[in-house]
Structure formats: C-alpha cells, structure tokens
Amino acid sequence: MRLFLRHATEKVIVYRSVKAALVVGSVLALINHYDGLIAGVLTTKTILQIGLTYLVPYAVSTYGSAMQARHLEVRGGRK
C-alpha cells in the first residue's frame, strides 16, 4: 500500500491524472448536465455530481498509472 501511495502522489502521475480528469470530466459533465449548465441552474446536488464526474476519471487514471509503476518497480522492469 505504501508503494502504491508513493507512486500515486508522484508529480508526473498527478499531472497526467489531472489532464485526463479535465478532458474526460468535461466531456462527461457536458453530456450529463448540459441542460442545467446552459440554463445556469446549478443546485448543490448538481455541483456535487459534477465534482464526482471529475473525480472518477482522476481516480481511475491515478490507480492505473500507480499500479503500473508499482508493478514495474516490484518486478524490476522485467517483462
């Protein structure tokens, strides 16, 4: 777990995950909340949903990158 967390907080992985979350989260937020965003009707519930819409791709990207980095470190880079 410690090894995973060390990789998950590496600058390169955080940066990559933020970029992925911004792109994927924006597309999903537009798809799921287009009407409310255009009408300017943002309730607290909608804002929380949009936040989660960005959080999920960030978490998925971070998990995948950190697990790959962990795997490579544990195996010593061997295939």
N, C-alpha and C. Protein backbone atom coordinates (compact mmCIF):
# COMPACT_ATOMS: atom_id res chain seq x y z
N MET A 1 0.83 -1.19 0.00
CA MET A 1 0.00 0.00 0.00
C MET A 1 0.87 1.26 0.00
N ARG A 2 1.94 1.21 0.79
CA ARG A 2 2.85 2.35 0.85
C ARG A 2 3.48 2.63 -0.51
N LEU A 3 3.86 1.58 -1.20
CA LEU A 3 4.47 1.72 -2.52
C LEU A 3 3.47 2.31 -3.50
N PHE A 4 2.23 1.84 -3.45
CA PHE A 4 1.17 2.39 -4.30
C PHE A 4 0.98 3.89 -4.03
N LEU A 5 0.86 4.26 -2.75
CA LEU A 5 0.64 5.67 -2.40
C LEU A 5 1.82 6.54 -2.81
N ARG A 6 3.03 6.01 -2.70
CA ARG A 6 4.20 6.78 -3.13
C ARG A 6 4.12 7.09 -4.62
N HIS A 7 3.75 6.10 -5.41
CA HIS A 7 3.62 6.31 -6.85
C HIS A 7 2.42 7.19 -7.18
N ALA A 8 1.32 7.00 -6.47
CA ALA A 8 0.09 7.77 -6.75
C ALA A 8 0.28 9.26 -6.50
N THR A 9 1.25 9.62 -5.67
CA THR A 9 1.48 11.04 -5.36
C THR A 9 2.68 11.61 -6.11
N GLU A 10 3.27 10.85 -7.01
CA GLU A 10 4.37 11.36 -7.83
C GLU A 10 3.85 12.47 -8.75
N LYS A 11 4.66 13.47 -8.92
CA LYS A 11 4.26 14.65 -9.70
C LYS A 11 3.79 14.27 -11.11
N VAL A 12 4.50 13.40 -11.78
CA VAL A 12 4.16 13.03 -13.16
C VAL A 12 2.81 12.31 -13.22
N ILE A 13 2.53 11.47 -12.24
CA ILE A 13 1.26 10.74 -12.24
C ILE A 13 0.11 11.68 -11.90
N VAL A 14 0.30 12.55 -10.92
CA VAL A 14 -0.74 13.53 -10.57
C VAL A 14 -1.04 14.42 -11.77
N TYR A 15 0.00 14.90 -12.44
CA TYR A 15 -0.18 15.77 -13.60
C TYR A 15 -0.94 15.06 -14.72
N ARG A 16 -0.56 13.82 -15.00
CA ARG A 16 -1.23 13.03 -16.04
C ARG A 16 -2.70 12.79 -15.68
N SER A 17 -2.95 12.49 -14.41
CA SER A 17 -4.31 12.22 -13.96
C SER A 17 -5.19 13.47 -14.01
N VAL A 18 -4.62 14.62 -13.67
CA VAL A 18 -5.37 15.88 -13.73
C VAL A 18 -5.75 16.18 -15.18
N LYS A 19 -4.81 15.98 -16.11
CA LYS A 19 -5.12 16.22 -17.53
C LYS A 19 -6.24 15.29 -18.00
N ALA A 20 -6.15 14.03 -17.64
CA ALA A 20 -7.19 13.07 -18.04
C ALA A 20 -8.53 13.45 -17.42
N ALA A 21 -8.53 13.84 -16.16
CA ALA A 21 -9.78 14.21 -15.48
C ALA A 21 -10.39 15.45 -16.10
N LEU A 22 -9.57 16.41 -16.49
CA LEU A 22 -10.11 17.62 -17.11
C LEU A 22 -10.77 17.32 -18.45
N VAL A 23 -10.14 16.50 -19.24
CA VAL A 23 -10.70 16.17 -20.56
C VAL A 23 -11.93 15.28 -20.42
N VAL A 24 -11.77 14.15 -19.76
CA VAL A 24 -12.88 13.19 -19.64
C VAL A 24 -14.01 13.78 -18.79
N GLY A 25 -13.65 14.42 -17.68
CA GLY A 25 -14.66 15.01 -16.80
C GLY A 25 -15.47 16.08 -17.49
N SER A 26 -14.82 16.91 -18.31
CA SER A 26 -15.54 17.97 -19.03
C SER A 26 -16.52 17.37 -20.03
N VAL A 27 -16.09 16.37 -20.75
CA VAL A 27 -16.98 15.72 -21.72
C VAL A 27 -18.18 15.10 -20.99
N LEU A 28 -17.91 14.37 -19.91
CA LEU A 28 -19.00 13.73 -19.17
C LEU A 28 -19.92 14.75 -18.51
N ALA A 29 -19.35 15.83 -17.98
CA ALA A 29 -20.18 16.87 -17.36
C ALA A 29 -21.10 17.51 -18.39
N LEU A 30 -20.59 17.74 -19.58
CA LEU A 30 -21.43 18.31 -20.64
C LEU A 30 -22.53 17.33 -21.06
N ILE A 31 -22.16 16.08 -21.19
CA ILE A 31 -23.16 15.07 -21.57
C ILE A 31 -24.24 14.94 -20.51
N ASN A 32 -23.84 14.86 -19.25
CA ASN A 32 -24.79 14.57 -18.17
C ASN A 32 -25.53 15.79 -17.65
N HIS A 33 -24.95 16.99 -17.77
CA HIS A 33 -25.53 18.17 -17.15
C HIS A 33 -25.67 19.34 -18.11
N TYR A 34 -25.73 19.05 -19.38
CA TYR A 34 -25.80 20.08 -20.42
C TYR A 34 -26.95 21.07 -20.17
N ASP A 35 -28.14 20.56 -19.94
CA ASP A 35 -29.31 21.42 -19.77
C ASP A 35 -29.13 22.39 -18.60
N GLY A 36 -28.70 21.86 -17.48
CA GLY A 36 -28.51 22.70 -16.30
C GLY A 36 -27.41 23.72 -16.47
N LEU A 37 -26.32 23.32 -17.14
CA LEU A 37 -25.20 24.25 -17.35
C LEU A 37 -25.60 25.38 -18.29
N ILE A 38 -26.31 25.06 -19.36
CA ILE A 38 -26.74 26.08 -20.32
C ILE A 38 -27.77 27.02 -19.68
N ALA A 39 -28.69 26.46 -18.90
CA ALA A 39 -29.73 27.26 -18.27
C ALA A 39 -29.20 28.04 -17.07
N GLY A 40 -28.01 27.67 -16.60
CA GLY A 40 -27.44 28.34 -15.44
C GLY A 40 -28.09 27.91 -14.13
N VAL A 41 -28.70 26.74 -14.13
CA VAL A 41 -29.36 26.21 -12.95
C VAL A 41 -28.44 25.17 -12.31
N LEU A 42 -27.71 25.61 -11.32
CA LEU A 42 -26.78 24.70 -10.65
C LEU A 42 -27.15 24.60 -9.18
N THR A 43 -27.72 23.49 -8.82
CA THR A 43 -28.04 23.24 -7.42
C THR A 43 -26.81 22.66 -6.73
N THR A 44 -26.87 22.58 -5.43
CA THR A 44 -25.78 21.96 -4.68
C THR A 44 -25.59 20.51 -5.12
N LYS A 45 -26.69 19.83 -5.34
CA LYS A 45 -26.64 18.43 -5.79
C LYS A 45 -25.93 18.33 -7.15
N THR A 46 -26.26 19.23 -8.07
CA THR A 46 -25.64 19.21 -9.40
C THR A 46 -24.14 19.49 -9.30
N ILE A 47 -23.77 20.44 -8.46
CA ILE A 47 -22.34 20.77 -8.30
C ILE A 47 -21.58 19.57 -7.73
N LEU A 48 -22.17 18.88 -6.77
CA LEU A 48 -21.53 17.66 -6.23
C LEU A 48 -21.41 16.58 -7.29
N GLN A 49 -22.45 16.43 -8.11
CA GLN A 49 -22.40 15.43 -9.18
C GLN A 49 -21.31 15.78 -10.19
N ILE A 50 -21.18 17.04 -10.52
CA ILE A 50 -20.13 17.46 -11.46
C ILE A 50 -18.76 17.22 -10.85
N GLY A 51 -18.61 17.51 -9.55
CA GLY A 51 -17.34 17.23 -8.88
C GLY A 51 -16.98 15.76 -8.95
N LEU A 52 -17.95 14.90 -8.73
CA LEU A 52 -17.70 13.46 -8.83
C LEU A 52 -17.39 13.05 -10.27
N THR A 53 -17.99 13.77 -11.22
CA THR A 53 -17.74 13.49 -12.63
C THR A 53 -16.26 13.71 -12.97
N TYR A 54 -15.63 14.66 -12.29
CA TYR A 54 -14.19 14.89 -12.49
C TYR A 54 -13.34 13.96 -11.62
N LEU A 55 -13.85 13.63 -10.46
CA LEU A 55 -13.09 12.80 -9.53
C LEU A 55 -12.90 11.37 -10.03
N VAL A 56 -13.91 10.82 -10.66
CA VAL A 56 -13.84 9.42 -11.11
C VAL A 56 -12.73 9.21 -12.15
N PRO A 57 -12.65 10.00 -13.24
CA PRO A 57 -11.53 9.75 -14.17
C PRO A 57 -10.16 10.04 -13.55
N TYR A 58 -10.11 10.98 -12.59
CA TYR A 58 -8.84 11.23 -11.89
C TYR A 58 -8.42 9.97 -11.12
N ALA A 59 -9.37 9.39 -10.39
CA ALA A 59 -9.07 8.21 -9.60
C ALA A 59 -8.69 7.02 -10.47
N VAL A 60 -9.38 6.84 -11.57
CA VAL A 60 -9.09 5.72 -12.48
C VAL A 60 -7.70 5.88 -13.10
N SER A 61 -7.40 7.08 -13.55
CA SER A 61 -6.10 7.33 -14.15
C SER A 61 -4.97 7.16 -13.14
N THR A 62 -5.17 7.69 -11.94
CA THR A 62 -4.16 7.57 -10.88
C THR A 62 -3.94 6.11 -10.51
N TYR A 63 -5.03 5.37 -10.35
CA TYR A 63 -4.93 3.96 -9.99
C TYR A 63 -4.15 3.18 -11.06
N GLY A 64 -4.52 3.38 -12.31
CA GLY A 64 -3.84 2.66 -13.39
C GLY A 64 -2.36 2.99 -13.48
N SER A 65 -2.04 4.27 -13.41
CA SER A 65 -0.64 4.69 -13.51
C SER A 65 0.18 4.22 -12.32
N ALA A 66 -0.37 4.37 -11.12
CA ALA A 66 0.36 3.98 -9.91
C ALA A 66 0.55 2.47 -9.85
N MET A 67 -0.45 1.71 -10.24
CA MET A 67 -0.31 0.26 -10.23
C MET A 67 0.72 -0.20 -11.26
N GLN A 68 0.74 0.44 -12.41
CA GLN A 68 1.75 0.09 -13.42
C GLN A 68 3.15 0.41 -12.91
N ALA A 69 3.32 1.59 -12.32
CA ALA A 69 4.63 1.98 -11.79
C ALA A 69 5.05 1.03 -10.66
N ARG A 70 4.10 0.67 -9.81
CA ARG A 70 4.37 -0.28 -8.72
C ARG A 70 4.77 -1.63 -9.28
N HIS A 71 4.03 -2.08 -10.27
CA HIS A 71 4.32 -3.37 -10.90
C HIS A 71 5.73 -3.39 -11.49
N LEU A 72 6.09 -2.33 -12.19
CA LEU A 72 7.43 -2.27 -12.79
C LEU A 72 8.51 -2.24 -11.72
N GLU A 73 8.25 -1.52 -10.63
CA GLU A 73 9.25 -1.46 -9.57
C GLU A 73 9.41 -2.82 -8.88
N VAL A 74 8.30 -3.47 -8.60
CA VAL A 74 8.35 -4.77 -7.91
C VAL A 74 9.04 -5.82 -8.79
N ARG A 75 8.74 -5.78 -10.07
CA ARG A 75 9.33 -6.78 -10.99
C ARG A 75 10.70 -6.35 -11.48
N GLY A 76 11.14 -5.15 -11.14
CA GLY A 76 12.46 -4.68 -11.55
C GLY A 76 12.51 -4.32 -13.02
N GLY A 77 11.37 -4.01 -13.62
CA GLY A 77 11.34 -3.61 -15.02
C GLY A 77 11.39 -4.77 -15.99
N ARG A 78 11.40 -6.01 -15.48
CA ARG A 78 11.45 -7.18 -16.35
C ARG A 78 10.07 -7.47 -16.93
N LYS A 79 10.05 -8.07 -18.09
CA LYS A 79 8.78 -8.47 -18.73
C LYS A 79 8.48 -9.90 -18.39
